[in-house]
């Protein structure tokens, strides 16, 4: 039996290896890298270096969140694996950052702001479960404009919080700004989560 090598050009033409999907894979890798930055903080690198590195990785990953979907649409490179992994990558990145910030030595997310993080995490779990159930009914729930704004505010808030104490040296009240924005994202999360749940419940009742 003869095995022929697949030319690299043909490999990159496969849906799983197109550029939009590669950006999504990169966002999943960013989850690990951000976690390593927090592990290295105070051990292998200074707190300031670790924070700015985590901020840079997170910012790049957040940009790919916009680019992968945009490029997939304009280049007509949408794929099943891309549609599956894109929301998973987003939720992994956000959830990991929230947990790391709540557990870090600086206690960047603490006190009442922990409730904002809990609201966001609970909404992500609720929407994921709802989408999985509706997928079985062959029903899709479109992303609203407000939900996109929620994601934007959420990402900006996490950017401020990841910079944390290092960011305070450049912009005073960096952590306070991040906490306020996280609460704004949490309130938007409550509204959009209710919107998704109401739309999904309609299909459950109709069934």
C-alpha atoms as a PDB file:
ATOM      1  CA  UNK A   1       0.000   0.000   0.000  1.00  0.00           C
ATOM      2  CA  UNK A   2       1.502   3.296  -1.093  1.00  0.00           C
ATOM      3  CA  UNK A   3       0.987   6.395   1.051  1.00  0.00           C
ATOM      4  CA  UNK A   4       1.287   9.678  -0.793  1.00  0.00           C
ATOM      5  CA  UNK A   5       2.289  12.816   1.055  1.00  0.00           C
ATOM      6  CA  UNK A   6      -0.304  15.570   1.034  1.00  0.00           C
ATOM      7  CA  UNK A   7       1.117  18.805  -0.395  1.00  0.00           C
ATOM      8  CA  UNK A   8       1.130  21.616   2.145  1.00  0.00           C
ATOM      9  CA  UNK A   9      -0.927  23.808  -0.179  1.00  0.00           C
ATOM     10  CA  UNK A  10      -3.696  21.210  -0.388  1.00  0.00           C
ATOM     11  CA  UNK A  11      -3.672  20.786   3.406  1.00  0.00           C
ATOM     12  CA  UNK A  12      -4.255  24.498   3.944  1.00  0.00           C
ATOM     13  CA  UNK A  13      -7.214  24.389   1.531  1.00  0.00           C
ATOM     14  CA  UNK A  14      -9.079  21.986   3.786  1.00  0.00           C
ATOM     15  CA  UNK A  15     -11.810  23.669   5.871  1.00  0.00           C
ATOM     16  CA  UNK A  16     -10.180  22.653   9.164  1.00  0.00           C
ATOM     17  CA  UNK A  17      -6.957  24.435   8.208  1.00  0.00           C
ATOM     18  CA  UNK A  18      -8.210  27.643   6.633  1.00  0.00           C
ATOM     19  CA  UNK A  19      -7.098  30.962   8.119  1.00  0.00           C
ATOM     20  CA  UNK A  20     -10.320  31.739  10.050  1.00  0.00           C
ATOM     21  CA  UNK A  21     -10.150  28.365  11.797  1.00  0.00           C
ATOM     22  CA  UNK A  22      -6.429  28.769  12.489  1.00  0.00           C
ATOM     23  CA  UNK A  23      -7.257  32.047  14.259  1.00  0.00           C
ATOM     24  CA  UNK A  24      -9.820  30.186  16.357  1.00  0.00           C
ATOM     25  CA  UNK A  25      -7.209  27.547  17.276  1.00  0.00           C
ATOM     26  CA  UNK A  26      -4.895  30.392  18.246  1.00  0.00           C
ATOM     27  CA  UNK A  27      -7.557  31.767  20.591  1.00  0.00           C
ATOM     28  CA  UNK A  28      -7.784  28.386  22.331  1.00  0.00           C
ATOM     29  CA  UNK A  29      -3.980  28.332  22.648  1.00  0.00           C
ATOM     30  CA  UNK A  30      -4.160  31.826  24.173  1.00  0.00           C
ATOM     31  CA  UNK A  31      -6.126  30.339  27.091  1.00  0.00           C
ATOM     32  CA  UNK A  32      -3.106  28.219  28.022  1.00  0.00           C
ATOM     33  CA  UNK A  33      -0.643  31.075  27.504  1.00  0.00           C
ATOM     34  CA  UNK A  34      -2.585  33.497  29.695  1.00  0.00           C
ATOM     35  CA  UNK A  35      -2.714  30.828  32.409  1.00  0.00           C
ATOM     36  CA  UNK A  36       1.054  30.377  32.157  1.00  0.00           C
ATOM     37  CA  UNK A  37       1.559  34.117  32.579  1.00  0.00           C
ATOM     38  CA  UNK A  38      -0.266  34.020  35.920  1.00  0.00           C
ATOM     39  CA  UNK A  39       1.712  30.949  36.950  1.00  0.00           C
ATOM     40  CA  UNK A  40       4.968  32.739  36.061  1.00  0.00           C
ATOM     41  CA  UNK A  41       3.976  35.912  37.942  1.00  0.00           C
ATOM     42  CA  UNK A  42       6.389  36.296  40.868  1.00  0.00           C
ATOM     43  CA  UNK A  43       8.078  32.971  40.055  1.00  0.00           C
ATOM     44  CA  UNK A  44       9.668  33.134  36.606  1.00  0.00           C
ATOM     45  CA  UNK A  45       8.909  36.746  35.757  1.00  0.00           C
ATOM     46  CA  UNK A  46       8.145  40.001  37.501  1.00  0.00           C
ATOM     47  CA  UNK A  47       4.513  40.822  38.178  1.00  0.00           C
ATOM     48  CA  UNK A  48       4.627  43.699  35.710  1.00  0.00           C
ATOM     49  CA  UNK A  49       6.105  41.587  32.896  1.00  0.00           C
ATOM     50  CA  UNK A  50       3.631  38.756  33.477  1.00  0.00           C
ATOM     51  CA  UNK A  51       0.663  41.136  33.528  1.00  0.00           C
ATOM     52  CA  UNK A  52       1.595  42.968  30.344  1.00  0.00           C
ATOM     53  CA  UNK A  53       2.319  39.675  28.576  1.00  0.00           C
ATOM     54  CA  UNK A  54      -1.092  38.319  29.600  1.00  0.00           C
ATOM     55  CA  UNK A  55      -2.686  41.587  28.460  1.00  0.00           C
ATOM     56  CA  UNK A  56      -0.946  41.394  25.068  1.00  0.00           C
ATOM     57  CA  UNK A  57      -1.940  37.777  24.483  1.00  0.00           C
ATOM     58  CA  UNK A  58      -5.533  38.464  25.526  1.00  0.00           C
ATOM     59  CA  UNK A  59      -5.763  41.550  23.294  1.00  0.00           C
ATOM     60  CA  UNK A  60      -4.470  39.610  20.275  1.00  0.00           C
ATOM     61  CA  UNK A  61      -6.908  36.778  21.015  1.00  0.00           C
ATOM     62  CA  UNK A  62      -9.815  39.248  21.326  1.00  0.00           C
ATOM     63  CA  UNK A  63      -8.982  40.718  17.909  1.00  0.00           C
ATOM     64  CA  UNK A  64      -9.050  37.241  16.356  1.00  0.00           C
ATOM     65  CA  UNK A  65     -12.558  36.831  17.804  1.00  0.00           C
ATOM     66  CA  UNK A  66     -13.692  39.506  15.361  1.00  0.00           C
ATOM     67  CA  UNK A  67     -11.397  38.524  12.501  1.00  0.00           C
ATOM     68  CA  UNK A  68     -12.156  34.797  12.253  1.00  0.00           C
ATOM     69  CA  UNK A  69     -15.890  35.269  11.695  1.00  0.00           C
ATOM     70  CA  UNK A  70     -15.398  38.274   9.430  1.00  0.00           C
ATOM     71  CA  UNK A  71     -12.834  36.524   7.221  1.00  0.00           C
ATOM     72  CA  UNK A  72     -14.886  33.316   7.100  1.00  0.00           C
ATOM     73  CA  UNK A  73     -17.861  35.290   5.790  1.00  0.00           C
ATOM     74  CA  UNK A  74     -16.103  37.436   3.173  1.00  0.00           C
ATOM     75  CA  UNK A  75     -13.922  34.551   1.937  1.00  0.00           C
ATOM     76  CA  UNK A  76     -16.834  32.075   2.093  1.00  0.00           C
ATOM     77  CA  UNK A  77     -14.780  29.762   4.318  1.00  0.00           C
ATOM     78  CA  UNK A  78     -17.393  28.969   6.953  1.00  0.00           C
ATOM     79  CA  UNK A  79     -17.161  25.388   8.207  1.00  0.00           C
ATOM     80  CA  UNK A  80     -18.802  23.127  10.766  1.00  0.00           C
ATOM     81  CA  UNK A  81     -15.658  22.937  12.883  1.00  0.00           C
ATOM     82  CA  UNK A  82     -15.393  26.725  12.871  1.00  0.00           C
ATOM     83  CA  UNK A  83     -19.008  27.182  13.933  1.00  0.00           C
ATOM     84  CA  UNK A  84     -18.486  24.653  16.722  1.00  0.00           C
ATOM     85  CA  UNK A  85     -15.144  25.916  18.067  1.00  0.00           C
ATOM     86  CA  UNK A  86     -15.687  29.686  17.799  1.00  0.00           C
ATOM     87  CA  UNK A  87     -18.134  30.018  20.737  1.00  0.00           C
ATOM     88  CA  UNK A  88     -16.181  27.404  22.702  1.00  0.00           C
ATOM     89  CA  UNK A  89     -12.957  29.391  22.291  1.00  0.00           C
ATOM     90  CA  UNK A  90     -14.697  32.582  23.463  1.00  0.00           C
ATOM     91  CA  UNK A  91     -16.131  30.936  26.565  1.00  0.00           C
ATOM     92  CA  UNK A  92     -12.840  29.234  27.449  1.00  0.00           C
ATOM     93  CA  UNK A  93     -10.933  32.504  27.184  1.00  0.00           C
ATOM     94  CA  UNK A  94     -13.422  34.567  29.213  1.00  0.00           C
ATOM     95  CA  UNK A  95     -13.981  31.904  31.888  1.00  0.00           C
ATOM     96  CA  UNK A  96     -10.260  31.273  32.346  1.00  0.00           C
ATOM     97  CA  UNK A  97      -9.475  34.974  32.704  1.00  0.00           C
ATOM     98  CA  UNK A  98     -12.263  35.490  35.250  1.00  0.00           C
ATOM     99  CA  UNK A  99     -11.095  32.537  37.364  1.00  0.00           C
ATOM    100  CA  UNK A 100      -7.434  33.590  37.202  1.00  0.00           C
ATOM    101  CA  UNK A 101      -8.247  37.177  38.155  1.00  0.00           C
ATOM    102  CA  UNK A 102     -10.393  36.020  41.083  1.00  0.00           C
ATOM    103  CA  UNK A 103      -7.652  33.693  42.354  1.00  0.00           C
ATOM    104  CA  UNK A 104      -4.527  35.804  41.742  1.00  0.00           C
ATOM    105  CA  UNK A 105      -2.475  37.180  44.631  1.00  0.00           C
ATOM    106  CA  UNK A 106      -3.479  40.747  43.796  1.00  0.00           C
ATOM    107  CA  UNK A 107      -7.187  39.827  44.172  1.00  0.00           C
ATOM    108  CA  UNK A 108      -7.994  41.873  41.060  1.00  0.00           C
ATOM    109  CA  UNK A 109     -11.574  40.605  41.174  1.00  0.00           C
ATOM    110  CA  UNK A 110     -12.761  40.513  44.761  1.00  0.00           C
ATOM    111  CA  UNK A 111     -15.655  41.464  47.023  1.00  0.00           C
ATOM    112  CA  UNK A 112     -18.887  42.383  45.293  1.00  0.00           C
ATOM    113  CA  UNK A 113     -17.242  42.241  41.865  1.00  0.00           C
ATOM    114  CA  UNK A 114     -17.058  38.471  42.263  1.00  0.00           C
ATOM    115  CA  UNK A 115     -20.817  38.461  41.741  1.00  0.00           C
ATOM    116  CA  UNK A 116     -20.349  40.118  38.355  1.00  0.00           C
ATOM    117  CA  UNK A 117     -17.958  37.312  37.395  1.00  0.00           C
ATOM    118  CA  UNK A 118     -20.415  34.685  38.692  1.00  0.00           C
ATOM    119  CA  UNK A 119     -23.261  36.220  36.661  1.00  0.00           C
ATOM    120  CA  UNK A 120     -21.162  36.134  33.491  1.00  0.00           C
ATOM    121  CA  UNK A 121     -20.044  32.525  34.076  1.00  0.00           C
ATOM    122  CA  UNK A 122     -23.593  31.342  34.857  1.00  0.00           C
ATOM    123  CA  UNK A 123     -24.928  33.010  31.719  1.00  0.00           C
ATOM    124  CA  UNK A 124     -22.285  31.328  29.572  1.00  0.00           C
ATOM    125  CA  UNK A 125     -23.260  27.921  30.976  1.00  0.00           C
ATOM    126  CA  UNK A 126     -26.980  28.632  30.552  1.00  0.00           C
ATOM    127  CA  UNK A 127     -26.646  29.805  26.943  1.00  0.00           C
ATOM    128  CA  UNK A 128     -24.354  26.888  26.043  1.00  0.00           C
ATOM    129  CA  UNK A 129     -26.842  24.369  27.435  1.00  0.00           C
ATOM    130  CA  UNK A 130     -29.751  26.119  25.740  1.00  0.00           C
ATOM    131  CA  UNK A 131     -28.003  26.193  22.368  1.00  0.00           C
ATOM    132  CA  UNK A 132     -27.128  22.506  22.654  1.00  0.00           C
ATOM    133  CA  UNK A 133     -30.757  21.638  23.390  1.00  0.00           C
ATOM    134  CA  UNK A 134     -32.110  23.824  20.576  1.00  0.00           C
ATOM    135  CA  UNK A 135     -29.579  22.342  18.165  1.00  0.00           C
ATOM    136  CA  UNK A 136     -31.267  19.002  18.752  1.00  0.00           C
ATOM    137  CA  UNK A 137     -34.537  20.626  17.683  1.00  0.00           C
ATOM    138  CA  UNK A 138     -32.830  22.091  14.589  1.00  0.00           C
ATOM    139  CA  UNK A 139     -33.450  25.583  15.956  1.00  0.00           C
ATOM    140  CA  UNK A 140     -30.829  28.324  15.948  1.00  0.00           C
ATOM    141  CA  UNK A 141     -30.888  31.472  18.070  1.00  0.00           C
ATOM    142  CA  UNK A 142     -29.240  34.427  16.363  1.00  0.00           C
ATOM    143  CA  UNK A 143     -26.778  36.672  18.187  1.00  0.00           C
ATOM    144  CA  UNK A 144     -28.341  40.072  18.879  1.00  0.00           C
ATOM    145  CA  UNK A 145     -26.585  43.403  18.483  1.00  0.00           C
ATOM    146  CA  UNK A 146     -26.824  43.936  22.252  1.00  0.00           C
ATOM    147  CA  UNK A 147     -25.104  40.590  22.839  1.00  0.00           C
ATOM    148  CA  UNK A 148     -22.247  41.757  20.619  1.00  0.00           C
ATOM    149  CA  UNK A 149     -21.976  44.945  22.674  1.00  0.00           C
ATOM    150  CA  UNK A 150     -21.933  42.821  25.819  1.00  0.00           C
ATOM    151  CA  UNK A 151     -19.024  40.822  24.448  1.00  0.00           C
ATOM    152  CA  UNK A 152     -17.138  44.006  23.535  1.00  0.00           C
ATOM    153  CA  UNK A 153     -17.595  45.566  26.984  1.00  0.00           C
ATOM    154  CA  UNK A 154     -16.651  42.262  28.607  1.00  0.00           C
ATOM    155  CA  UNK A 155     -13.422  42.003  26.616  1.00  0.00           C
ATOM    156  CA  UNK A 156     -12.441  45.617  27.356  1.00  0.00           C
ATOM    157  CA  UNK A 157     -13.136  45.065  31.070  1.00  0.00           C
ATOM    158  CA  UNK A 158     -10.963  41.944  31.140  1.00  0.00           C
ATOM    159  CA  UNK A 159      -8.204  43.829  29.316  1.00  0.00           C
ATOM    160  CA  UNK A 160      -8.129  46.481  32.054  1.00  0.00           C
ATOM    161  CA  UNK A 161      -8.199  43.849  34.791  1.00  0.00           C
ATOM    162  CA  UNK A 162      -5.434  41.761  33.214  1.00  0.00           C
ATOM    163  CA  UNK A 163      -3.190  44.824  33.077  1.00  0.00           C
ATOM    164  CA  UNK A 164      -4.134  45.332  36.737  1.00  0.00           C
ATOM    165  CA  UNK A 165      -1.401  46.738  38.987  1.00  0.00           C
ATOM    166  CA  UNK A 166       0.962  47.121  36.021  1.00  0.00           C
ATOM    167  CA  UNK A 167      -1.634  49.255  34.256  1.00  0.00           C
ATOM    168  CA  UNK A 168      -2.077  51.435  37.360  1.00  0.00           C
ATOM    169  CA  UNK A 169       1.429  52.823  36.772  1.00  0.00           C
ATOM    170  CA  UNK A 170       0.311  54.215  33.407  1.00  0.00           C
ATOM    171  CA  UNK A 171      -3.393  54.867  33.953  1.00  0.00           C
ATOM    172  CA  UNK A 172      -4.592  55.421  37.514  1.00  0.00           C
ATOM    173  CA  UNK A 173      -7.728  53.506  38.562  1.00  0.00           C
ATOM    174  CA  UNK A 174      -7.131  50.849  35.892  1.00  0.00           C
ATOM    175  CA  UNK A 175      -8.542  48.131  38.170  1.00  0.00           C
ATOM    176  CA  UNK A 176     -11.492  50.306  39.233  1.00  0.00           C
ATOM    177  CA  UNK A 177     -12.352  51.020  35.581  1.00  0.00           C
ATOM    178  CA  UNK A 178     -12.138  47.303  34.802  1.00  0.00           C
ATOM    179  CA  UNK A 179     -14.440  46.456  37.707  1.00  0.00           C
ATOM    180  CA  UNK A 180     -17.038  49.037  36.640  1.00  0.00           C
ATOM    181  CA  UNK A 181     -16.966  47.755  33.060  1.00  0.00           C
ATOM    182  CA  UNK A 182     -17.262  44.179  34.314  1.00  0.00           C
ATOM    183  CA  UNK A 183     -20.449  45.142  36.161  1.00  0.00           C
ATOM    184  CA  UNK A 184     -21.788  46.811  33.005  1.00  0.00           C
ATOM    185  CA  UNK A 185     -21.033  43.584  31.114  1.00  0.00           C
ATOM    186  CA  UNK A 186     -22.745  41.567  33.865  1.00  0.00           C
ATOM    187  CA  UNK A 187     -25.916  43.679  33.636  1.00  0.00           C
ATOM    188  CA  UNK A 188     -25.944  43.311  29.847  1.00  0.00           C
ATOM    189  CA  UNK A 189     -25.330  39.611  30.399  1.00  0.00           C
ATOM    190  CA  UNK A 190     -28.460  39.344  32.552  1.00  0.00           C
ATOM    191  CA  UNK A 191     -30.596  41.007  29.915  1.00  0.00           C
ATOM    192  CA  UNK A 192     -29.216  39.098  26.914  1.00  0.00           C
ATOM    193  CA  UNK A 193     -29.276  35.832  28.888  1.00  0.00           C
ATOM    194  CA  UNK A 194     -32.957  36.383  29.674  1.00  0.00           C
ATOM    195  CA  UNK A 195     -33.558  37.195  26.001  1.00  0.00           C
ATOM    196  CA  UNK A 196     -31.954  33.910  24.912  1.00  0.00           C
ATOM    197  CA  UNK A 197     -33.808  31.958  27.601  1.00  0.00           C
ATOM    198  CA  UNK A 198     -37.162  33.471  26.623  1.00  0.00           C
ATOM    199  CA  UNK A 199     -36.582  32.622  22.943  1.00  0.00           C
ATOM    200  CA  UNK A 200     -35.511  29.091  23.841  1.00  0.00           C
ATOM    201  CA  UNK A 201     -38.384  28.552  26.286  1.00  0.00           C
ATOM    202  CA  UNK A 202     -40.855  29.379  23.546  1.00  0.00           C
ATOM    203  CA  UNK A 203     -39.614  26.396  21.525  1.00  0.00           C
ATOM    204  CA  UNK A 204     -39.691  24.141  24.604  1.00  0.00           C
ATOM    205  CA  UNK A 205     -43.307  25.073  25.406  1.00  0.00           C
ATOM    206  CA  UNK A 206     -44.395  24.797  21.773  1.00  0.00           C
ATOM    207  CA  UNK A 207     -42.946  21.301  21.642  1.00  0.00           C
END
